[in-house]
Amino acid sequence: MAETRVSELPRRGFNIVSHRLRLGFKRVWVNSGQLIQIPIAATAAYAFCVYVLGHPYPFLAAVASAVGIGPVVDRRLRRALEIGIGATFGVLVGEILVNVYGTGIWQLALTLIIGLVIGTILNSGGIFITQIAVQSVYVVVVPATATSMPFPRTLDALTGSVCAILLALLIPRDARKVPRRLAADMLEEVDAILRMMKRALGEADSTMANRALERARETQDIIDSWGSSLRVSREAAKINARARRHAAEVTRLSRAHTFSDRAMRTMRVIARRVVGVTELGVGKPVIADYVGSLADGAKKLEIALRRGTDRSLAEAALSEAAGTLDPRAKSDWDIHDESMVLLLRTVAVDLLQAAGLTREEAQSRLPPLAENADDESGPAVE
């Protein structure tokens, strides 16, 4: 057994790396619109300072706009405001202090202390304070270029900050687009992992079981990205008239996010149990069929989320799968088999709620338990 596991290590490593690369390319695609805006904003701010204001090297304009937009789609407007105001204020503080007592080592330390104190008084946010400190230090350390305008670097930082804020406010954005795509990616992972567990249980394949467990553990990035995109979409629905009409679907996607996350947490527990069962060389064909039925429902939910269409087909498929999840279906099952089916019931309830059902409606799709027909389907897994 040990030799077999050692021989499987290179293939497992390759599977993990390839999976992470695939998720990485998906993140690039999801954030492509945001990534493109960074060079546009930085170039526009830099060009404005060069050709309109006449500044020879407006470094801070490009920096403030690029950092204000940022590569991560998370609370975009708030970050643009915090970084923009912090950067501009930091440069202003630095320029004022440089004009008062010049540059040097002790001046650098004093400027940094003053900038941090002022930033903490004005705003306790880490981004705001950091921007004040970094930009004020830059002003003290890097000599200013000759110009006839007062506080030229403050104007550069202000220009870059305004570019970032304008892009956050004005560029049209479909509030549903990114959350839809990430929702579909997550349900695609749910479908794939369930199918891998089905194969592992049907064929007593411990290698496949371990791959399913590894893949389930790699899904947290998608869940986190999906949550971040929903926060941005809710923000967009508040400040952008075009995005406001999509608020209802954003709310539905938020609900799907919550219950998909819960379903995946339970699936990780199930995957660990599948590993233990298959390492004993034991197959569970009936439970494998249960898992396969849930995978079919997850696939239909993925398609509905990706297209933004009605979820009734997914609801029907998941309801049919849930209706088979009886932990007393086989008289020869032991407590481990029964507990696995109980966990699958929890997954079914969570996926049905992700499809739009209430908790009571989802539980009504399950076959009643002999001891307590009105009780929850299985142990809660947070």
Protein backbone atom coordinates (compact mmCIF):
# COMPACT_ATOMS: atom_id res chain seq x y z
CA MET A 1 0.00 0.00 0.00
CA ALA A 2 2.86 2.42 0.92
CA GLU A 3 4.66 1.76 -2.39
CA THR A 4 1.44 2.38 -4.30
CA ARG A 5 0.88 5.66 -2.54
CA VAL A 6 4.45 6.83 -3.21
CA SER A 7 4.09 5.99 -6.90
CA GLU A 8 0.87 8.02 -7.04
CA LEU A 9 2.47 11.17 -5.58
CA PRO A 10 3.73 12.63 -8.92
CA ARG A 11 0.34 12.17 -10.54
CA ARG A 12 -1.42 13.70 -7.54
CA GLY A 13 0.97 16.66 -7.67
CA PHE A 14 0.30 17.11 -11.37
CA ASN A 15 -3.47 16.99 -10.78
CA ILE A 16 -3.26 19.62 -8.04
CA VAL A 17 -1.05 21.93 -10.13
CA SER A 18 -3.21 21.60 -13.25
CA HIS A 19 -6.36 22.24 -11.23
CA ARG A 20 -4.87 25.35 -9.64
CA LEU A 21 -3.72 26.62 -13.02
CA ARG A 22 -7.21 26.12 -14.41
CA LEU A 23 -8.70 28.08 -11.51
CA GLY A 24 -6.04 30.76 -11.97
CA PHE A 25 -6.89 31.25 -15.64
CA LYS A 26 -10.57 31.43 -14.70
CA ARG A 27 -9.77 34.21 -12.21
CA VAL A 28 -7.90 36.09 -14.92
CA TRP A 29 -10.91 35.77 -17.23
CA VAL A 30 -13.36 36.80 -14.51
CA ASN A 31 -11.28 39.87 -13.57
CA SER A 32 -10.29 40.76 -17.15
CA GLY A 33 -12.50 43.84 -17.26
CA GLN A 34 -10.98 45.14 -14.03
CA LEU A 35 -7.44 44.35 -15.17
CA ILE A 36 -7.92 46.24 -18.45
CA GLN A 37 -9.14 49.33 -16.60
CA ILE A 38 -5.87 49.64 -14.62
CA PRO A 39 -3.60 50.55 -17.59
CA ILE A 40 -6.36 52.70 -19.09
CA ALA A 41 -6.76 54.76 -15.93
CA ALA A 42 -3.02 55.00 -15.23
CA THR A 43 -2.24 56.06 -18.79
CA ALA A 44 -5.07 58.61 -18.87
CA ALA A 45 -4.01 60.19 -15.58
CA TYR A 46 -0.35 60.28 -16.62
CA ALA A 47 -1.16 61.81 -20.02
CA PHE A 48 -3.41 64.45 -18.47
CA CYS A 49 -0.67 65.57 -16.09
CA VAL A 50 1.94 65.64 -18.87
CA TYR A 51 -0.02 67.33 -21.65
CA VAL A 52 -2.52 69.45 -19.71
CA LEU A 53 -0.76 70.31 -16.45
CA GLY A 54 2.71 70.27 -17.98
CA HIS A 55 4.31 68.03 -15.35
CA PRO A 56 7.35 66.22 -16.78
CA TYR A 57 7.22 63.04 -14.67
CA PRO A 58 3.82 62.59 -12.97
CA PHE A 59 4.68 59.25 -11.39
CA LEU A 60 2.10 59.61 -8.61
CA ALA A 61 -0.77 60.12 -11.06
CA ALA A 62 -0.26 56.67 -12.57
CA VAL A 63 0.34 55.06 -9.17
CA ALA A 64 -2.75 56.55 -7.52
CA SER A 65 -5.06 55.53 -10.36
CA ALA A 66 -3.65 51.99 -10.68
CA VAL A 67 -3.74 51.29 -6.95
CA GLY A 68 -7.15 52.93 -6.59
CA ILE A 69 -8.73 50.56 -9.11
CA GLY A 70 -6.73 47.53 -8.01
CA PRO A 71 -6.66 44.05 -9.56
CA VAL A 72 -9.19 42.55 -7.13
CA VAL A 73 -12.89 43.20 -7.66
CA ASP A 74 -13.81 43.86 -4.04
CA ARG A 75 -15.60 46.94 -2.68
CA ARG A 76 -14.29 48.85 -5.66
CA LEU A 77 -15.72 52.32 -4.99
CA ARG A 78 -14.85 52.31 -1.30
CA ARG A 79 -11.28 51.25 -2.02
CA ALA A 80 -10.91 53.86 -4.77
CA LEU A 81 -12.09 56.57 -2.36
CA GLU A 82 -9.89 55.41 0.52
CA ILE A 83 -6.76 55.02 -1.58
CA GLY A 84 -7.44 58.18 -3.58
CA ILE A 85 -8.03 60.41 -0.58
CA GLY A 86 -5.21 58.76 1.38
CA ALA A 87 -2.71 59.08 -1.46
CA THR A 88 -3.60 62.70 -2.16
CA PHE A 89 -3.56 63.66 1.48
CA GLY A 90 -0.27 61.84 2.05
CA VAL A 91 1.40 63.68 -0.82
CA LEU A 92 0.00 66.98 0.43
CA VAL A 93 1.33 66.37 3.95
CA GLY A 94 4.72 65.40 2.54
CA GLU A 95 4.96 68.48 0.31
CA ILE A 96 3.96 70.82 3.11
CA LEU A 97 6.52 69.35 5.50
CA VAL A 98 9.26 69.34 2.86
CA ASN A 99 8.62 73.04 2.24
CA VAL A 100 8.80 73.67 6.00
CA TYR A 101 11.97 71.80 6.98
CA GLY A 102 13.45 70.26 3.81
CA THR A 103 14.58 66.68 3.20
CA GLY A 104 16.88 64.32 5.04
CA ILE A 105 16.97 61.31 7.32
CA TRP A 106 15.39 62.88 10.39
CA GLN A 107 12.90 64.69 8.17
CA LEU A 108 11.88 61.31 6.71
CA ALA A 109 11.24 59.82 10.16
CA LEU A 110 9.33 62.89 11.33
CA THR A 111 7.21 63.02 8.18
CA LEU A 112 6.33 59.35 8.51
CA ILE A 113 5.31 59.77 12.16
CA ILE A 114 3.20 62.82 11.42
CA GLY A 115 1.55 61.13 8.44
CA LEU A 116 0.66 58.00 10.44
CA VAL A 117 -0.76 60.03 13.33
CA ILE A 118 -2.88 62.20 11.04
CA GLY A 119 -4.07 59.17 9.07
CA THR A 120 -5.07 57.34 12.25
CA ILE A 121 -6.98 60.37 13.52
CA LEU A 122 -8.86 60.84 10.24
CA ASN A 123 -9.57 57.18 9.41
CA SER A 124 -8.67 53.94 11.18
CA GLY A 125 -8.75 51.97 7.91
CA GLY A 126 -5.47 50.25 7.08
CA ILE A 127 -5.55 51.18 3.39
CA PHE A 128 -6.05 54.88 4.11
CA ILE A 129 -3.27 55.05 6.72
CA THR A 130 -0.85 53.08 4.55
CA GLN A 131 -1.40 55.36 1.58
CA ILE A 132 -0.74 58.48 3.64
CA ALA A 133 2.49 56.99 5.01
CA VAL A 134 3.78 55.64 1.69
CA GLN A 135 3.03 58.73 -0.37
CA SER A 136 4.41 61.18 2.20
CA VAL A 137 7.64 59.16 2.40
CA TYR A 138 7.91 59.18 -1.40
CA VAL A 139 7.60 62.97 -1.47
CA VAL A 140 10.36 63.38 1.11
CA VAL A 141 12.76 60.87 -0.44
CA VAL A 142 12.34 61.61 -4.18
CA PRO A 143 13.29 65.14 -5.28
CA ALA A 144 10.59 67.13 -7.03
CA THR A 145 11.01 68.15 -10.67
CA ALA A 146 11.11 71.79 -11.60
CA THR A 147 7.67 73.28 -12.19
CA SER A 148 5.97 76.63 -11.79
CA MET A 149 2.83 75.19 -10.20
CA PRO A 150 2.51 74.86 -6.40
CA PHE A 151 2.24 71.38 -4.92
CA PRO A 152 2.67 69.60 -8.29
CA ARG A 153 2.82 66.08 -6.88
CA THR A 154 -0.37 66.64 -4.91
CA LEU A 155 -2.07 67.53 -8.19
CA ASP A 156 -0.64 64.37 -9.77
CA ALA A 157 -2.00 62.16 -6.99
CA LEU A 158 -5.34 63.95 -7.08
CA THR A 159 -5.61 63.43 -10.86
CA GLY A 160 -4.91 59.71 -10.56
CA SER A 161 -7.37 59.34 -7.70
CA VAL A 162 -10.12 61.12 -9.61
CA CYS A 163 -9.56 58.81 -12.61
CA ALA A 164 -9.96 55.74 -10.39
CA ILE A 165 -13.12 57.08 -8.74
CA LEU A 166 -14.67 58.09 -12.08
CA LEU A 167 -14.09 54.62 -13.51
CA ALA A 168 -15.65 53.04 -10.42
CA LEU A 169 -18.71 55.28 -10.79
CA LEU A 170 -19.24 55.64 -14.51
CA ILE A 171 -18.15 52.54 -16.41
CA PRO A 172 -21.27 50.46 -17.19
CA ARG A 173 -21.28 47.18 -15.31
CA ASP A 174 -23.68 44.28 -15.45
CA ALA A 175 -24.01 43.51 -11.76
CA ARG A 176 -24.96 39.90 -12.56
CA LYS A 177 -22.17 38.97 -14.96
CA VAL A 178 -19.28 38.06 -12.67
CA PRO A 179 -21.40 36.50 -9.87
CA ARG A 180 -23.22 34.41 -12.48
CA ARG A 181 -19.97 33.10 -13.92
CA LEU A 182 -18.48 32.32 -10.52
CA ALA A 183 -21.73 30.69 -9.38
CA ALA A 184 -21.64 28.44 -12.42
CA ASP A 185 -17.95 27.66 -11.83
CA MET A 186 -18.74 26.64 -8.26
CA LEU A 187 -21.62 24.39 -9.27
CA GLU A 188 -19.39 22.92 -11.98
CA GLU A 189 -16.97 21.96 -9.22
CA VAL A 190 -19.80 20.51 -7.14
CA ASP A 191 -20.90 18.41 -10.12
CA ALA A 192 -17.35 17.23 -10.89
CA ILE A 193 -16.55 16.31 -7.28
CA LEU A 194 -19.81 14.42 -6.85
CA ARG A 195 -19.11 12.46 -10.04
CA MET A 196 -15.61 11.62 -8.83
CA MET A 197 -17.05 10.39 -5.52
CA LYS A 198 -19.65 8.37 -7.40
CA ARG A 199 -16.93 6.62 -9.39
CA ALA A 200 -14.82 6.08 -6.28
CA LEU A 201 -17.72 4.52 -4.38
CA GLY A 202 -18.88 2.42 -7.33
CA GLU A 203 -15.42 1.03 -8.14
CA ALA A 204 -13.80 1.13 -4.67
CA ASP A 205 -11.19 3.44 -6.23
CA SER A 206 -9.17 5.10 -3.44
CA THR A 207 -7.11 7.12 -5.94
CA MET A 208 -10.25 8.75 -7.32
CA ALA A 209 -11.54 9.30 -3.78
CA ASN A 210 -8.36 11.16 -2.84
CA ARG A 211 -8.58 13.26 -6.01
CA ALA A 212 -12.15 14.19 -5.12
CA LEU A 213 -11.07 15.22 -1.62
CA GLU A 214 -8.16 17.29 -2.96
CA ARG A 215 -10.41 19.01 -5.48
CA ALA A 216 -13.03 19.75 -2.83
CA ARG A 217 -10.38 21.41 -0.70
CA GLU A 218 -9.35 23.62 -3.63
CA THR A 219 -12.78 25.20 -4.06
CA GLN A 220 -12.49 27.82 -1.33
CA ASP A 221 -10.92 30.33 -3.74
CA ILE A 222 -14.01 30.16 -5.96
CA ILE A 223 -16.33 30.61 -2.97
CA ASP A 224 -14.32 33.62 -1.76
CA SER A 225 -14.17 35.20 -5.23
CA TRP A 226 -17.90 34.65 -5.66
CA GLY A 227 -18.57 36.37 -2.32
CA SER A 228 -16.31 39.29 -3.25
CA SER A 229 -18.05 39.72 -6.60
CA LEU A 230 -21.42 39.78 -4.87
CA ARG A 231 -20.27 42.57 -2.54
CA VAL A 232 -19.20 44.60 -5.57
CA SER A 233 -22.49 43.88 -7.33
CA ARG A 234 -24.51 45.01 -4.33
CA GLU A 235 -22.42 48.18 -4.25
CA ALA A 236 -23.00 48.71 -7.98
CA ALA A 237 -26.74 48.27 -7.50
CA LYS A 238 -26.70 51.16 -5.03
CA ILE A 239 -24.70 53.69 -7.08
CA ASN A 240 -25.39 52.73 -10.68
CA ALA A 241 -28.88 53.07 -12.17
CA ARG A 242 -28.21 50.43 -14.80
CA ALA A 243 -27.13 47.89 -12.19
CA ARG A 244 -30.02 48.67 -9.84
CA ARG A 245 -32.52 46.75 -11.93
CA HIS A 246 -30.47 43.58 -11.41
CA ALA A 247 -30.68 43.79 -7.61
CA ALA A 248 -33.21 40.95 -7.35
CA GLU A 249 -31.02 38.49 -9.23
CA VAL A 250 -27.98 39.58 -7.20
CA THR A 251 -29.98 38.73 -4.08
CA ARG A 252 -30.82 35.28 -5.50
CA LEU A 253 -27.16 34.71 -6.36
CA SER A 254 -26.21 35.71 -2.81
CA ARG A 255 -28.58 33.06 -1.49
CA ALA A 256 -27.11 30.50 -3.89
CA HIS A 257 -23.62 31.45 -2.66
CA THR A 258 -24.53 30.85 0.97
CA PHE A 259 -26.02 27.41 0.41
CA SER A 260 -23.44 26.28 -2.16
CA ASP A 261 -20.74 27.06 0.39
CA ARG A 262 -22.59 24.99 3.00
CA ALA A 263 -23.05 22.12 0.54
CA MET A 264 -19.33 22.10 -0.30
CA ARG A 265 -18.36 22.05 3.38
CA THR A 266 -20.48 18.95 3.86
CA MET A 267 -19.09 17.40 0.67
CA ARG A 268 -15.58 17.69 2.10
CA VAL A 269 -16.70 15.65 5.11
CA ILE A 270 -18.29 13.07 2.81
CA ALA A 271 -15.16 12.96 0.63
CA ARG A 272 -13.03 12.11 3.66
CA ARG A 273 -15.38 9.26 4.50
CA VAL A 274 -15.28 8.03 0.92
CA VAL A 275 -11.48 7.92 1.12
CA GLY A 276 -11.69 5.77 4.25
CA VAL A 277 -14.24 3.40 2.70
CA THR A 278 -12.39 2.93 -0.58
CA GLU A 279 -9.04 2.36 1.12
CA LEU A 280 -10.63 -0.73 2.66
CA GLY A 281 -11.47 -1.92 -0.85
CA VAL A 282 -15.21 -1.67 -0.24
CA GLY A 283 -17.60 -0.44 -2.91
CA LYS A 284 -20.96 1.22 -2.24
CA PRO A 285 -22.88 1.07 -5.54
CA VAL A 286 -26.25 2.18 -4.09
CA ILE A 287 -24.77 5.23 -2.37
CA ALA A 288 -22.79 5.88 -5.56
CA ASP A 289 -26.10 6.13 -7.43
CA TYR A 290 -27.38 8.60 -4.85
CA VAL A 291 -24.30 10.74 -5.36
CA GLY A 292 -24.67 10.54 -9.14
CA SER A 293 -28.29 11.75 -8.94
CA LEU A 294 -27.19 14.78 -6.90
CA ALA A 295 -24.48 15.46 -9.50
CA ASP A 296 -27.13 15.52 -12.25
CA GLY A 297 -29.12 18.08 -10.29
CA ALA A 298 -26.02 20.18 -9.61
CA LYS A 299 -25.24 20.18 -13.35
CA LYS A 300 -28.70 21.51 -14.18
CA LEU A 301 -28.32 24.18 -11.50
CA GLU A 302 -24.95 25.15 -12.98
CA ILE A 303 -26.52 25.63 -16.42
CA ALA A 304 -29.36 27.74 -14.98
CA LEU A 305 -26.96 29.95 -13.02
CA ARG A 306 -24.60 30.42 -15.95
CA ARG A 307 -27.43 31.46 -18.28
CA GLY A 308 -29.48 33.30 -15.68
CA THR A 309 -32.52 31.23 -16.59
CA ASP A 310 -35.28 29.53 -14.60
CA ARG A 311 -34.08 26.96 -12.07
CA SER A 312 -37.15 24.73 -12.18
CA LEU A 313 -35.34 21.92 -14.05
CA ALA A 314 -32.58 21.93 -11.45
CA GLU A 315 -35.17 21.97 -8.69
CA ALA A 316 -36.96 18.97 -10.22
CA ALA A 317 -33.73 16.98 -10.66
CA LEU A 318 -32.52 17.76 -7.14
CA SER A 319 -35.96 16.95 -5.70
CA GLU A 320 -35.91 13.58 -7.44
CA ALA A 321 -32.42 12.89 -6.11
CA ALA A 322 -33.41 13.98 -2.60
CA GLY A 323 -36.42 11.66 -2.67
CA THR A 324 -34.15 8.60 -2.85
CA LEU A 325 -31.99 9.48 0.16
CA ASP A 326 -33.32 7.03 2.70
CA PRO A 327 -30.69 5.94 5.27
CA ARG A 328 -32.73 2.79 6.01
CA ALA A 329 -33.02 1.74 2.35
CA LYS A 330 -30.83 -1.35 2.84
CA SER A 331 -31.17 -3.67 5.81
CA ASP A 332 -27.49 -4.64 5.65
CA TRP A 333 -26.20 -1.08 5.96
CA ASP A 334 -24.19 -0.25 9.07
CA ILE A 335 -24.01 3.07 10.90
CA HIS A 336 -21.31 4.37 8.54
CA ASP A 337 -23.50 3.84 5.49
CA GLU A 338 -26.46 5.46 7.19
CA SER A 339 -24.42 8.47 8.32
CA MET A 340 -23.12 8.98 4.77
CA VAL A 341 -26.67 9.06 3.43
CA LEU A 342 -27.65 11.50 6.19
CA LEU A 343 -24.82 13.78 5.08
CA LEU A 344 -26.01 13.49 1.47
CA ARG A 345 -29.45 14.60 2.66
CA THR A 346 -27.81 17.75 4.06
CA VAL A 347 -26.15 18.40 0.70
CA ALA A 348 -29.46 17.89 -1.09
CA VAL A 349 -31.24 20.37 1.20
CA ASP A 350 -28.51 22.98 0.70
CA LEU A 351 -28.53 22.58 -3.10
CA LEU A 352 -32.32 22.82 -3.18
CA GLN A 353 -32.11 26.05 -1.20
CA ALA A 354 -29.43 27.28 -3.62
CA ALA A 355 -32.00 26.58 -6.37
CA GLY A 356 -34.48 28.88 -4.61
CA LEU A 357 -36.52 26.69 -2.26
CA THR A 358 -37.09 27.53 1.38
CA ARG A 359 -35.68 25.24 4.05
CA GLU A 360 -39.09 23.74 4.74
CA GLU A 361 -39.75 23.12 1.05
CA ALA A 362 -36.32 21.52 0.61
CA GLN A 363 -36.78 19.22 3.59
CA SER A 364 -40.20 18.14 2.34
CA ARG A 365 -38.49 16.61 -0.72
CA LEU A 366 -36.65 14.10 1.49
CA PRO A 367 -38.11 10.73 2.50
CA PRO A 368 -39.10 10.96 6.18
CA LEU A 369 -36.88 9.41 8.78
CA ALA A 370 -38.45 6.57 10.71
CA GLU A 371 -37.75 8.02 14.15
CA ASN A 372 -38.70 11.65 13.46
CA ALA A 373 -40.33 12.49 10.16
CA ASP A 374 -40.28 16.23 10.81
CA ASP A 375 -36.66 16.48 11.85
CA GLU A 376 -33.76 17.83 9.83
CA SER A 377 -32.33 15.55 7.20
CA GLY A 378 -28.94 15.08 8.75
CA PRO A 379 -26.27 16.55 11.00
CA ALA A 380 -25.58 20.22 10.45
CA VAL A 381 -22.13 20.89 9.10
CA GLU A 382 -20.90 24.47 9.33
